[in-house]
Amino acid sequence: MTGTKRGYIYDIFVKEDHRREGIGMMLMKRAEHYCRGKGYKEMHLMVSPNGQSAKELYINRGLKEERFAWEGD
């Protein structure tokens, strides 16, 4: 709607027995590199409300929480 180029990440998943090994961080860095290479000015992420580990990963990458989405019944 604004004409701003942006990338979207809907899911990043690391198998439970491989978490806390830096894989998620590596995937995020790769996604950021890809978006910058395409000239995107923003990157948006979808995070499950109970995805605390993912939220921590994104915050550690310097990203900020922008809004919450409501999931109704």
PDB file of N, CA and C in Angstrom:
ATOM      1  N   MET A   1       0.802  -1.183   0.000  1.00  0.00           N
ATOM      2  CA  MET A   1       0.000   0.000   0.000  1.00  0.00           C
ATOM      3  C   MET A   1       0.855   1.261   0.000  1.00  0.00           C
ATOM      4  N   THR A   2       2.010   1.217   0.653  1.00  0.00           N
ATOM      5  CA  THR A   2       2.850   2.409   0.734  1.00  0.00           C
ATOM      6  C   THR A   2       3.884   2.452  -0.385  1.00  0.00           C
ATOM      7  N   GLY A   3       4.060   1.359  -1.089  1.00  0.00           N
ATOM      8  CA  GLY A   3       5.071   1.295  -2.130  1.00  0.00           C
ATOM      9  C   GLY A   3       6.447   0.912  -1.620  1.00  0.00           C
ATOM     10  N   THR A   4       6.588   0.755  -0.304  1.00  0.00           N
ATOM     11  CA  THR A   4       7.868   0.364   0.287  1.00  0.00           C
ATOM     12  C   THR A   4       8.104  -1.122   0.042  1.00  0.00           C
ATOM     13  N   LYS A   5       9.286  -1.441  -0.482  1.00  0.00           N
ATOM     14  CA  LYS A   5       9.624  -2.844  -0.675  1.00  0.00           C
ATOM     15  C   LYS A   5       9.928  -3.465   0.678  1.00  0.00           C
ATOM     16  N   ARG A   6       9.366  -4.634   0.942  1.00  0.00           N
ATOM     17  CA  ARG A   6       9.608  -5.296   2.224  1.00  0.00           C
ATOM     18  C   ARG A   6       9.593  -6.810   2.043  1.00  0.00           C
ATOM     19  N   GLY A   7      10.349  -7.454   2.892  1.00  0.00           N
ATOM     20  CA  GLY A   7      10.368  -8.906   2.918  1.00  0.00           C
ATOM     21  C   GLY A   7       9.513  -9.417   4.061  1.00  0.00           C
ATOM     22  N   TYR A   8       9.036 -10.635   3.929  1.00  0.00           N
ATOM     23  CA  TYR A   8       8.193 -11.254   4.954  1.00  0.00           C
ATOM     24  C   TYR A   8       8.738 -12.626   5.320  1.00  0.00           C
ATOM     25  N   ILE A   9       8.774 -12.902   6.606  1.00  0.00           N
ATOM     26  CA  ILE A   9       9.113 -14.243   7.095  1.00  0.00           C
ATOM     27  C   ILE A   9       7.916 -14.728   7.883  1.00  0.00           C
ATOM     28  N   TYR A  10       7.374 -15.833   7.460  1.00  0.00           N
ATOM     29  CA  TYR A  10       6.200 -16.375   8.141  1.00  0.00           C
ATOM     30  C   TYR A  10       6.561 -17.484   9.121  1.00  0.00           C
ATOM     31  N   ASP A  11       7.594 -18.230   8.826  1.00  0.00           N
ATOM     32  CA  ASP A  11       7.991 -19.318   9.720  1.00  0.00           C
ATOM     33  C   ASP A  11       9.492 -19.546   9.651  1.00  0.00           C
ATOM     34  N   ILE A  12      10.090 -19.658  10.801  1.00  0.00           N
ATOM     35  CA  ILE A  12      11.445 -20.202  10.933  1.00  0.00           C
ATOM     36  C   ILE A  12      11.314 -21.290  11.979  1.00  0.00           C
ATOM     37  N   PHE A  13      11.751 -22.471  11.643  1.00  0.00           N
ATOM     38  CA  PHE A  13      11.625 -23.575  12.585  1.00  0.00           C
ATOM     39  C   PHE A  13      12.939 -24.322  12.676  1.00  0.00           C
ATOM     40  N   VAL A  14      13.393 -24.535  13.889  1.00  0.00           N
ATOM     41  CA  VAL A  14      14.583 -25.336  14.157  1.00  0.00           C
ATOM     42  C   VAL A  14      14.134 -26.495  15.038  1.00  0.00           C
ATOM     43  N   LYS A  15      14.471 -27.702  14.633  1.00  0.00           N
ATOM     44  CA  LYS A  15      14.084 -28.874  15.420  1.00  0.00           C
ATOM     45  C   LYS A  15      14.555 -28.704  16.858  1.00  0.00           C
ATOM     46  N   GLU A  16      13.734 -29.158  17.769  1.00  0.00           N
ATOM     47  CA  GLU A  16      13.979 -28.947  19.197  1.00  0.00           C
ATOM     48  C   GLU A  16      15.360 -29.412  19.646  1.00  0.00           C
ATOM     49  N   ASP A  17      15.820 -30.551  19.133  1.00  0.00           N
ATOM     50  CA  ASP A  17      17.128 -31.060  19.571  1.00  0.00           C
ATOM     51  C   ASP A  17      18.308 -30.296  18.962  1.00  0.00           C
ATOM     52  N   HIS A  18      18.043 -29.291  18.115  1.00  0.00           N
ATOM     53  CA  HIS A  18      19.110 -28.471  17.539  1.00  0.00           C
ATOM     54  C   HIS A  18      18.965 -26.992  17.885  1.00  0.00           C
ATOM     55  N   ARG A  19      18.071 -26.682  18.795  1.00  0.00           N
ATOM     56  CA  ARG A  19      17.904 -25.292  19.213  1.00  0.00           C
ATOM     57  C   ARG A  19      19.066 -24.867  20.110  1.00  0.00           C
ATOM     58  N   ARG A  20      19.279 -23.566  20.183  1.00  0.00           N
ATOM     59  CA  ARG A  20      20.365 -22.964  20.987  1.00  0.00           C
ATOM     60  C   ARG A  20      21.741 -23.329  20.437  1.00  0.00           C
ATOM     61  N   GLU A  21      21.804 -23.632  19.121  1.00  0.00           N
ATOM     62  CA  GLU A  21      23.081 -23.922  18.468  1.00  0.00           C
ATOM     63  C   GLU A  21      23.461 -22.835  17.465  1.00  0.00           C
ATOM     64  N   GLY A  22      22.670 -21.767  17.400  1.00  0.00           N
ATOM     65  CA  GLY A  22      22.964 -20.680  16.481  1.00  0.00           C
ATOM     66  C   GLY A  22      22.325 -20.825  15.109  1.00  0.00           C
ATOM     67  N   ILE A  23      21.539 -21.878  14.911  1.00  0.00           N
ATOM     68  CA  ILE A  23      20.923 -22.111  13.602  1.00  0.00           C
ATOM     69  C   ILE A  23      19.882 -21.036  13.297  1.00  0.00           C
ATOM     70  N   GLY A  24      19.045 -20.703  14.258  1.00  0.00           N
ATOM     71  CA  GLY A  24      18.041 -19.667  14.056  1.00  0.00           C
ATOM     72  C   GLY A  24      18.676 -18.332  13.723  1.00  0.00           C
ATOM     73  N   MET A  25      19.745 -17.989  14.413  1.00  0.00           N
ATOM     74  CA  MET A  25      20.455 -16.741  14.159  1.00  0.00           C
ATOM     75  C   MET A  25      21.036 -16.735  12.748  1.00  0.00           C
ATOM     76  N   MET A  26      21.595 -17.868  12.324  1.00  0.00           N
ATOM     77  CA  MET A  26      22.147 -17.975  10.987  1.00  0.00           C
ATOM     78  C   MET A  26      21.043 -17.784   9.936  1.00  0.00           C
ATOM     79  N   LEU A  27      19.884 -18.384  10.161  1.00  0.00           N
ATOM     80  CA  LEU A  27      18.772 -18.236   9.233  1.00  0.00           C
ATOM     81  C   LEU A  27      18.297 -16.786   9.158  1.00  0.00           C
ATOM     82  N   MET A  28      18.239 -16.125  10.310  1.00  0.00           N
ATOM     83  CA  MET A  28      17.837 -14.719  10.328  1.00  0.00           C
ATOM     84  C   MET A  28      18.841 -13.849   9.564  1.00  0.00           C
ATOM     85  N   LYS A  29      20.115 -14.067   9.782  1.00  0.00           N
ATOM     86  CA  LYS A  29      21.139 -13.293   9.079  1.00  0.00           C
ATOM     87  C   LYS A  29      21.031 -13.495   7.574  1.00  0.00           C
ATOM     88  N   ARG A  30      20.772 -14.728   7.173  1.00  0.00           N
ATOM     89  CA  ARG A  30      20.632 -15.028   5.742  1.00  0.00           C
ATOM     90  C   ARG A  30      19.405 -14.315   5.163  1.00  0.00           C
ATOM     91  N   ALA A  31      18.298 -14.320   5.901  1.00  0.00           N
ATOM     92  CA  ALA A  31      17.086 -13.643   5.441  1.00  0.00           C
ATOM     93  C   ALA A  31      17.325 -12.138   5.332  1.00  0.00           C
ATOM     94  N   GLU A  32      18.009 -11.560   6.306  1.00  0.00           N
ATOM     95  CA  GLU A  32      18.318 -10.131   6.265  1.00  0.00           C
ATOM     96  C   GLU A  32      19.206  -9.808   5.065  1.00  0.00           C
ATOM     97  N   HIS A  33      20.205 -10.624   4.838  1.00  0.00           N
ATOM     98  CA  HIS A  33      21.112 -10.437   3.702  1.00  0.00           C
ATOM     99  C   HIS A  33      20.328 -10.494   2.383  1.00  0.00           C
ATOM    100  N   TYR A  34      19.437 -11.457   2.263  1.00  0.00           N
ATOM    101  CA  TYR A  34      18.618 -11.602   1.060  1.00  0.00           C
ATOM    102  C   TYR A  34      17.756 -10.354   0.844  1.00  0.00           C
ATOM    103  N   CYS A  35      17.076  -9.899   1.896  1.00  0.00           N
ATOM    104  CA  CYS A  35      16.201  -8.731   1.782  1.00  0.00           C
ATOM    105  C   CYS A  35      16.983  -7.480   1.401  1.00  0.00           C
ATOM    106  N   ARG A  36      18.132  -7.292   2.012  1.00  0.00           N
ATOM    107  CA  ARG A  36      18.958  -6.128   1.668  1.00  0.00           C
ATOM    108  C   ARG A  36      19.427  -6.210   0.218  1.00  0.00           C
ATOM    109  N   GLY A  37      19.794  -7.417  -0.211  1.00  0.00           N
ATOM    110  CA  GLY A  37      20.233  -7.621  -1.591  1.00  0.00           C
ATOM    111  C   GLY A  37      19.146  -7.322  -2.607  1.00  0.00           C
ATOM    112  N   LYS A  38      17.911  -7.518  -2.226  1.00  0.00           N
ATOM    113  CA  LYS A  38      16.775  -7.226  -3.101  1.00  0.00           C
ATOM    114  C   LYS A  38      16.345  -5.762  -3.019  1.00  0.00           C
ATOM    115  N   GLY A  39      16.985  -4.997  -2.134  1.00  0.00           N
ATOM    116  CA  GLY A  39      16.649  -3.588  -1.988  1.00  0.00           C
ATOM    117  C   GLY A  39      15.455  -3.322  -1.086  1.00  0.00           C
ATOM    118  N   TYR A  40      15.047  -4.331  -0.312  1.00  0.00           N
ATOM    119  CA  TYR A  40      13.911  -4.154   0.591  1.00  0.00           C
ATOM    120  C   TYR A  40      14.302  -3.207   1.715  1.00  0.00           C
ATOM    121  N   LYS A  41      13.399  -2.333   2.071  1.00  0.00           N
ATOM    122  CA  LYS A  41      13.649  -1.362   3.136  1.00  0.00           C
ATOM    123  C   LYS A  41      13.166  -1.872   4.492  1.00  0.00           C
ATOM    124  N   GLU A  42      12.335  -2.906   4.494  1.00  0.00           N
ATOM    125  CA  GLU A  42      11.788  -3.458   5.736  1.00  0.00           C
ATOM    126  C   GLU A  42      11.723  -4.977   5.630  1.00  0.00           C
ATOM    127  N   MET A  43      11.720  -5.608   6.795  1.00  0.00           N
ATOM    128  CA  MET A  43      11.498  -7.050   6.871  1.00  0.00           C
ATOM    129  C   MET A  43      10.500  -7.282   7.996  1.00  0.00           C
ATOM    130  N   HIS A  44       9.412  -7.953   7.689  1.00  0.00           N
ATOM    131  CA  HIS A  44       8.372  -8.220   8.671  1.00  0.00           C
ATOM    132  C   HIS A  44       8.365  -9.705   9.006  1.00  0.00           C
ATOM    133  N   LEU A  45       8.092  -9.999  10.268  1.00  0.00           N
ATOM    134  CA  LEU A  45       8.096 -11.373  10.761  1.00  0.00           C
ATOM    135  C   LEU A  45       6.763 -11.700  11.407  1.00  0.00           C
ATOM    136  N   MET A  46       6.332 -12.918  11.217  1.00  0.00           N
ATOM    137  CA  MET A  46       5.150 -13.412  11.914  1.00  0.00           C
ATOM    138  C   MET A  46       5.653 -14.328  13.030  1.00  0.00           C
ATOM    139  N   VAL A  47       5.171 -14.102  14.243  1.00  0.00           N
ATOM    140  CA  VAL A  47       5.601 -14.900  15.390  1.00  0.00           C
ATOM    141  C   VAL A  47       4.370 -15.395  16.130  1.00  0.00           C
ATOM    142  N   SER A  48       4.373 -16.648  16.475  1.00  0.00           N
ATOM    143  CA  SER A  48       3.284 -17.213  17.269  1.00  0.00           C
ATOM    144  C   SER A  48       3.248 -16.530  18.635  1.00  0.00           C
ATOM    145  N   PRO A  49       2.055 -16.291  19.174  1.00  0.00           N
ATOM    146  CA  PRO A  49       1.965 -15.651  20.495  1.00  0.00           C
ATOM    147  C   PRO A  49       2.739 -16.402  21.584  1.00  0.00           C
ATOM    148  N   ASN A  50       2.879 -17.710  21.453  1.00  0.00           N
ATOM    149  CA  ASN A  50       3.621 -18.474  22.461  1.00  0.00           C
ATOM    150  C   ASN A  50       5.028 -18.837  21.971  1.00  0.00           C
ATOM    151  N   GLY A  51       5.546 -18.097  20.988  1.00  0.00           N
ATOM    152  CA  GLY A  51       6.881 -18.343  20.453  1.00  0.00           C
ATOM    153  C   GLY A  51       7.931 -17.496  21.144  1.00  0.00           C
ATOM    154  N   GLN A  52       8.089 -17.669  22.439  1.00  0.00           N
ATOM    155  CA  GLN A  52       9.012 -16.840  23.216  1.00  0.00           C
ATOM    156  C   GLN A  52      10.452 -16.958  22.725  1.00  0.00           C
ATOM    157  N   SER A  53      10.899 -18.149  22.376  1.00  0.00           N
ATOM    158  CA  SER A  53      12.269 -18.318  21.882  1.00  0.00           C
ATOM    159  C   SER A  53      12.483 -17.523  20.605  1.00  0.00           C
ATOM    160  N   ALA A  54      11.489 -17.558  19.718  1.00  0.00           N
ATOM    161  CA  ALA A  54      11.592 -16.806  18.468  1.00  0.00           C
ATOM    162  C   ALA A  54      11.632 -15.311  18.753  1.00  0.00           C
ATOM    163  N   LYS A  55      10.787 -14.843  19.663  1.00  0.00           N
ATOM    164  CA  LYS A  55      10.783 -13.422  20.000  1.00  0.00           C
ATOM    165  C   LYS A  55      12.146 -12.990  20.520  1.00  0.00           C
ATOM    166  N   GLU A  56      12.753 -13.810  21.366  1.00  0.00           N
ATOM    167  CA  GLU A  56      14.079 -13.492  21.905  1.00  0.00           C
ATOM    168  C   GLU A  56      15.113 -13.414  20.787  1.00  0.00           C
ATOM    169  N   LEU A  57      15.029 -14.336  19.835  1.00  0.00           N
ATOM    170  CA  LEU A  57      15.950 -14.336  18.702  1.00  0.00           C
ATOM    171  C   LEU A  57      15.828 -13.042  17.917  1.00  0.00           C
ATOM    172  N   TYR A  58      14.608 -12.635  17.629  1.00  0.00           N
ATOM    173  CA  TYR A  58      14.388 -11.424  16.839  1.00  0.00           C
ATOM    174  C   TYR A  58      14.854 -10.184  17.593  1.00  0.00           C
ATOM    175  N   ILE A  59      14.576 -10.121  18.873  1.00  0.00           N
ATOM    176  CA  ILE A  59      15.021  -8.979  19.683  1.00  0.00           C
ATOM    177  C   ILE A  59      16.542  -8.914  19.703  1.00  0.00           C
ATOM    178  N   ASN A  60      17.202 -10.083  19.807  1.00  0.00           N
ATOM    179  CA  ASN A  60      18.669 -10.125  19.787  1.00  0.00           C
ATOM    180  C   ASN A  60      19.241  -9.658  18.453  1.00  0.00           C
ATOM    181  N   ARG A  61      18.454  -9.727  17.386  1.00  0.00           N
ATOM    182  CA  ARG A  61      18.873  -9.240  16.077  1.00  0.00           C
ATOM    183  C   ARG A  61      18.574  -7.754  15.918  1.00  0.00           C
ATOM    184  N   GLY A  62      18.017  -7.134  16.968  1.00  0.00           N
ATOM    185  CA  GLY A  62      17.755  -5.702  16.922  1.00  0.00           C
ATOM    186  C   GLY A  62      16.400  -5.344  16.344  1.00  0.00           C
ATOM    187  N   LEU A  63      15.531  -6.334  16.201  1.00  0.00           N
ATOM    188  CA  LEU A  63      14.196  -6.071  15.670  1.00  0.00           C
ATOM    189  C   LEU A  63      13.263  -5.662  16.797  1.00  0.00           C
ATOM    190  N   LYS A  64      12.182  -5.007  16.443  1.00  0.00           N
ATOM    191  CA  LYS A  64      11.241  -4.564  17.461  1.00  0.00           C
ATOM    192  C   LYS A  64       9.857  -5.128  17.177  1.00  0.00           C
ATOM    193  N   GLU A  65       9.102  -5.278  18.232  1.00  0.00           N
ATOM    194  CA  GLU A  65       7.736  -5.748  18.120  1.00  0.00           C
ATOM    195  C   GLU A  65       6.873  -4.578  17.674  1.00  0.00           C
ATOM    196  N   GLU A  66       6.117  -4.780  16.608  1.00  0.00           N
ATOM    197  CA  GLU A  66       5.355  -3.671  16.054  1.00  0.00           C
ATOM    198  C   GLU A  66       3.883  -3.734  16.416  1.00  0.00           C
ATOM    199  N   ARG A  67       3.303  -4.910  16.324  1.00  0.00           N
ATOM    200  CA  ARG A  67       1.881  -5.024  16.638  1.00  0.00           C
ATOM    201  C   ARG A  67       1.533  -6.470  16.943  1.00  0.00           C
ATOM    202  N   PHE A  68       0.418  -6.623  17.564  1.00  0.00           N
ATOM    203  CA  PHE A  68      -0.096  -7.939  17.877  1.00  0.00           C
ATOM    204  C   PHE A  68      -1.312  -8.212  17.013  1.00  0.00           C
ATOM    205  N   ALA A  69      -1.479  -9.425  16.610  1.00  0.00           N
ATOM    206  CA  ALA A  69      -2.669  -9.811  15.846  1.00  0.00           C
ATOM    207  C   ALA A  69      -3.554 -10.644  16.752  1.00  0.00           C
ATOM    208  N   TRP A  70      -4.819 -10.466  16.607  1.00  0.00           N
ATOM    209  CA  TRP A  70      -5.783 -11.218  17.406  1.00  0.00           C
ATOM    210  C   TRP A  70      -6.206 -12.443  16.631  1.00  0.00           C
ATOM    211  N   GLU A  71      -6.227 -13.586  17.303  1.00  0.00           N
ATOM    212  CA  GLU A  71      -6.705 -14.822  16.701  1.00  0.00           C
ATOM    213  C   GLU A  71      -7.982 -15.208  17.422  1.00  0.00           C
ATOM    214  N   GLY A  72      -9.088 -15.037  16.765  1.00  0.00           N
ATOM    215  CA  GLY A  72     -10.381 -15.327  17.358  1.00  0.00           C
ATOM    216  C   GLY A  72     -10.754 -16.796  17.270  1.00  0.00           C
ATOM    217  N   ASP A  73     -11.835 -17.124  17.937  1.00  0.00           N
ATOM    218  CA  ASP A  73     -12.327 -18.507  17.918  1.00  0.00           C
ATOM    219  C   ASP A  73     -13.056 -18.792  16.622  1.00  0.00           C
TER     220      ASP A  73
END
